[in-house]
Structures are given as C-alpha cells and as structure tokens.
N, C-alpha and C. Protein backbone atom coordinates (compact mmCIF):
# COMPACT_ATOMS: atom_id res chain seq x y z
N MET A 1 0.66 -1.18 0.02
CA MET A 1 -0.03 -0.08 0.12
C MET A 1 0.97 1.35 0.08
N GLN A 2 0.42 2.11 -0.87
CA GLN A 2 1.31 3.32 -0.88
C GLN A 2 0.78 4.38 -0.03
N PRO A 3 1.82 5.07 0.69
CA PRO A 3 1.22 6.27 1.72
C PRO A 3 0.85 7.18 0.58
N ARG A 4 -0.01 8.23 1.35
CA ARG A 4 -0.32 9.30 0.48
C ARG A 4 0.87 10.43 0.69
N GLY A 5 1.17 11.24 -0.22
CA GLY A 5 2.05 12.33 -0.17
C GLY A 5 1.51 13.62 0.08
N VAL A 6 2.13 14.52 -0.82
CA VAL A 6 1.87 16.07 -0.51
C VAL A 6 0.32 16.10 -0.87
N GLY A 7 -0.31 16.98 -0.37
CA GLY A 7 -1.71 17.27 -0.23
C GLY A 7 -2.68 15.90 -0.38
N GLY A 8 -1.83 14.85 0.59
CA GLY A 8 -3.03 13.84 0.46
C GLY A 8 -3.30 12.96 -0.44
N GLU A 9 -2.22 13.14 -1.67
CA GLU A 9 -2.56 12.36 -2.86
C GLU A 9 -1.32 11.36 -2.99
N ILE A 10 -1.87 10.36 -3.61
CA ILE A 10 -0.82 9.29 -3.98
C ILE A 10 -0.01 9.97 -5.35
N GLN A 11 1.33 9.96 -4.80
CA GLN A 11 2.23 10.50 -5.87
C GLN A 11 2.74 9.42 -6.91
N LEU A 12 2.60 9.62 -8.04
CA LEU A 12 3.06 8.69 -9.21
C LEU A 12 4.55 8.18 -9.06
N THR A 13 5.56 9.29 -8.53
CA THR A 13 6.88 9.09 -8.66
C THR A 13 6.95 8.17 -7.37
N ASP A 14 6.32 8.38 -6.43
CA ASP A 14 6.65 7.68 -5.04
C ASP A 14 6.33 6.11 -5.35
N GLY A 15 4.99 5.93 -6.20
CA GLY A 15 4.38 4.68 -6.54
C GLY A 15 5.44 3.92 -7.66
N ILE A 16 5.95 4.71 -8.10
CA ILE A 16 7.26 4.13 -9.13
C ILE A 16 8.17 3.66 -8.73
N ALA A 17 8.90 4.55 -7.82
CA ALA A 17 10.00 4.11 -6.85
C ALA A 17 9.82 2.77 -5.79
N SER A 18 8.58 2.78 -5.48
CA SER A 18 8.15 1.61 -4.46
C SER A 18 8.17 0.52 -5.35
N LEU A 19 7.80 0.43 -6.73
CA LEU A 19 7.70 -0.62 -7.64
C LEU A 19 9.08 -1.05 -8.04
N LEU A 20 9.75 -0.30 -8.12
CA LEU A 20 11.36 -0.34 -8.51
C LEU A 20 12.19 -1.33 -7.51
N ARG A 21 11.67 -1.18 -6.26
CA ARG A 21 12.23 -2.12 -5.28
C ARG A 21 11.83 -3.47 -5.58
N ARG A 22 10.83 -3.84 -6.09
CA ARG A 22 10.30 -5.05 -6.33
C ARG A 22 10.52 -5.82 -7.57
N GLU A 23 10.45 -4.96 -8.57
CA GLU A 23 10.45 -5.35 -9.99
C GLU A 23 11.18 -4.52 -11.14
N LYS A 24 11.25 -4.92 -12.37
CA LYS A 24 11.70 -3.86 -13.27
C LYS A 24 10.41 -3.07 -13.82
N VAL A 25 10.64 -1.77 -13.98
CA VAL A 25 9.65 -0.78 -14.41
C VAL A 25 10.27 -0.45 -15.93
N PHE A 26 9.38 -0.21 -16.88
CA PHE A 26 9.75 -0.02 -18.10
C PHE A 26 9.11 1.39 -18.38
N ALA A 27 9.57 2.24 -19.47
CA ALA A 27 9.21 3.61 -19.65
C ALA A 27 8.56 3.49 -21.10
N TYR A 28 7.85 4.54 -21.45
CA TYR A 28 7.50 4.69 -22.62
C TYR A 28 7.65 6.21 -23.14
N ARG A 29 8.27 6.33 -24.20
CA ARG A 29 8.20 8.15 -24.41
C ARG A 29 7.04 8.22 -25.23
N TYR A 30 6.16 9.04 -24.70
CA TYR A 30 5.00 9.52 -25.18
C TYR A 30 5.12 10.71 -26.28
N GLU A 31 4.71 10.67 -27.47
CA GLU A 31 4.66 11.80 -28.21
C GLU A 31 3.14 12.28 -28.51
N GLY A 32 2.84 13.50 -28.20
CA GLY A 32 1.70 13.95 -28.32
C GLY A 32 1.32 14.84 -27.27
N THR A 33 0.09 15.38 -27.20
CA THR A 33 -0.11 16.47 -25.98
C THR A 33 -0.34 15.69 -24.51
N ARG A 34 -0.09 16.37 -23.71
CA ARG A 34 -0.32 15.52 -22.25
C ARG A 34 -1.13 16.47 -21.56
N TYR A 35 -2.10 16.04 -20.79
CA TYR A 35 -3.05 17.11 -20.10
C TYR A 35 -2.77 16.59 -18.81
N ASP A 36 -2.89 17.70 -17.75
CA ASP A 36 -2.89 17.52 -16.53
C ASP A 36 -4.26 17.29 -15.91
N CYS A 37 -4.88 16.32 -16.01
CA CYS A 37 -6.42 16.04 -15.56
C CYS A 37 -6.37 16.21 -13.86
N GLY A 38 -5.04 16.36 -13.39
CA GLY A 38 -5.43 16.33 -11.68
C GLY A 38 -5.56 17.62 -11.18
N ASN A 39 -5.72 18.57 -12.18
CA ASN A 39 -6.31 20.25 -11.86
C ASN A 39 -7.31 20.38 -12.65
N LYS A 40 -8.38 21.24 -12.53
CA LYS A 40 -9.66 21.56 -13.09
C LYS A 40 -9.22 21.98 -14.54
N GLU A 41 -8.36 22.90 -14.56
CA GLU A 41 -8.18 23.60 -15.86
C GLU A 41 -7.60 22.61 -17.04
N GLY A 42 -6.80 21.58 -16.56
CA GLY A 42 -6.15 20.75 -17.43
C GLY A 42 -7.29 19.53 -17.93
N PHE A 43 -8.24 19.57 -16.89
CA PHE A 43 -9.24 18.55 -17.26
C PHE A 43 -10.26 19.19 -18.18
N LEU A 44 -10.39 20.48 -18.29
CA LEU A 44 -11.50 21.21 -19.08
C LEU A 44 -10.72 21.28 -20.41
N GLN A 45 -9.35 21.47 -20.35
CA GLN A 45 -8.46 21.88 -21.56
C GLN A 45 -8.60 20.28 -22.40
N ALA A 46 -8.31 19.15 -21.60
CA ALA A 46 -8.49 18.10 -22.34
C ALA A 46 -9.94 17.64 -22.84
N ASN A 47 -10.78 17.93 -22.30
CA ASN A 47 -12.32 17.67 -22.72
C ASN A 47 -12.41 18.42 -23.74
N VAL A 48 -12.24 19.83 -23.88
CA VAL A 48 -12.64 20.78 -25.05
C VAL A 48 -11.85 20.06 -26.28
N GLU A 49 -10.58 19.76 -26.19
CA GLU A 49 -9.74 19.26 -27.49
C GLU A 49 -10.18 17.98 -27.87
N LEU A 50 -10.64 17.10 -27.09
CA LEU A 50 -11.20 15.66 -27.36
C LEU A 50 -12.73 16.12 -28.33
N ALA A 51 -13.14 16.90 -27.64
CA ALA A 51 -14.51 17.21 -28.12
C ALA A 51 -14.51 17.92 -29.47
N LEU A 52 -13.55 18.76 -29.52
CA LEU A 52 -13.35 19.41 -30.85
C LEU A 52 -12.75 18.45 -31.84
N ASP A 53 -12.09 17.27 -31.86
CA ASP A 53 -11.46 16.29 -32.47
C ASP A 53 -12.45 15.21 -32.75
N HIS A 54 -13.63 15.12 -32.02
CA HIS A 54 -14.86 14.11 -32.03
C HIS A 54 -15.33 14.31 -33.61
N PRO A 55 -15.39 13.23 -34.31
CA PRO A 55 -16.09 13.25 -35.74
C PRO A 55 -17.55 13.72 -35.72
N THR A 56 -18.27 13.40 -34.63
CA THR A 56 -19.66 13.75 -34.73
C THR A 56 -19.91 14.97 -33.94
N LEU A 57 -19.40 15.12 -32.71
CA LEU A 57 -19.42 16.39 -31.66
C LEU A 57 -18.89 17.66 -32.31
N GLY A 58 -17.34 17.29 -33.02
CA GLY A 58 -16.64 18.38 -33.12
C GLY A 58 -17.30 19.55 -33.74
N PRO A 59 -17.80 19.45 -34.86
CA PRO A 59 -18.25 20.47 -36.05
C PRO A 59 -19.56 21.39 -35.01
N GLY A 60 -20.22 20.86 -34.41
CA GLY A 60 -21.40 21.48 -33.47
C GLY A 60 -20.72 22.12 -32.20
N PHE A 61 -19.55 21.55 -31.75
CA PHE A 61 -18.97 22.21 -30.65
C PHE A 61 -18.04 23.42 -30.93
N ARG A 62 -17.33 23.30 -32.15
CA ARG A 62 -16.68 24.19 -32.52
C ARG A 62 -17.29 25.54 -32.86
N THR A 63 -18.74 25.29 -33.69
CA THR A 63 -19.48 26.49 -33.66
C THR A 63 -19.81 27.22 -32.39
N TYR A 64 -20.31 26.15 -31.39
CA TYR A 64 -20.88 26.72 -30.05
C TYR A 64 -19.59 27.66 -29.41
N LEU A 65 -18.40 27.12 -29.46
CA LEU A 65 -17.15 27.86 -29.00
C LEU A 65 -16.89 29.16 -29.81
N GLN A 66 -17.01 29.15 -30.92
CA GLN A 66 -16.97 30.37 -31.62
C GLN A 66 -17.99 31.43 -31.36
N ASP A 67 -19.13 31.01 -31.45
CA ASP A 67 -20.36 31.85 -30.93
C ASP A 67 -20.29 32.37 -29.52
N LEU A 68 -19.82 31.52 -28.54
CA LEU A 68 -19.58 31.98 -27.19
C LEU A 68 -18.56 32.86 -27.18
N ALA A 69 -17.34 32.92 -27.98
CA ALA A 69 -16.10 33.84 -28.03
C ALA A 69 -16.70 35.08 -28.45
N LYS A 70 -17.30 35.06 -29.39
CA LYS A 70 -17.95 36.47 -29.97
C LYS A 70 -18.93 37.15 -28.97
N ALA A 71 -19.80 36.28 -28.32
CA ALA A 71 -20.52 36.75 -27.55
C ALA A 71 -20.04 37.55 -25.96
N ARG A 72 -18.90 36.77 -25.81
CA ARG A 72 -18.16 37.13 -24.55
C ARG A 72 -16.92 38.24 -25.06
N ALA A 73 -16.67 38.30 -26.06
CA ALA A 73 -15.57 39.31 -26.64
C ALA A 73 -14.28 38.95 -25.81
N PHE A 74 -13.65 37.82 -26.12
CA PHE A 74 -12.55 37.38 -25.51
C PHE A 74 -11.32 38.06 -26.26
C-alpha cells in the first residue's frame, strides 16, 4: 500500500520508486499532447480538445465555442 504524499495525494513518482524495489519498470516515450487532469483547468482543456476532434460532436461544438467567444468578446 502506497502512503499518501503532498496534499494527501498518492504520488506517481513515489509509486514508481516503490515498484522499482520489487520489479523492473519500463518507460514509454509518449509523443503527443499531455493534459494534467489532476487539476480543473487541465481536465477542461483535455475535454475541449477531445470534443473538437470528435467526428460527430466536433463541428457543432466548434460552432458553439466560436459563438461563445464572440458573445463574450474574448
């Protein structure tokens, strides 16, 4: 069982370090956009980008965002 770290969260790096003491750990070099869904802004960013890329929802959602931006004068 991994103890909680800073802010009461289970830290990924602590979990990996603990696992390394018992077995091999492999890494994967990820190419692409990474979103920090551990915070609200990152979660929203990920959802907006996924929605825009969605083949069915994307066009309507893009129009919605464009209309919203015009109405709010960003």
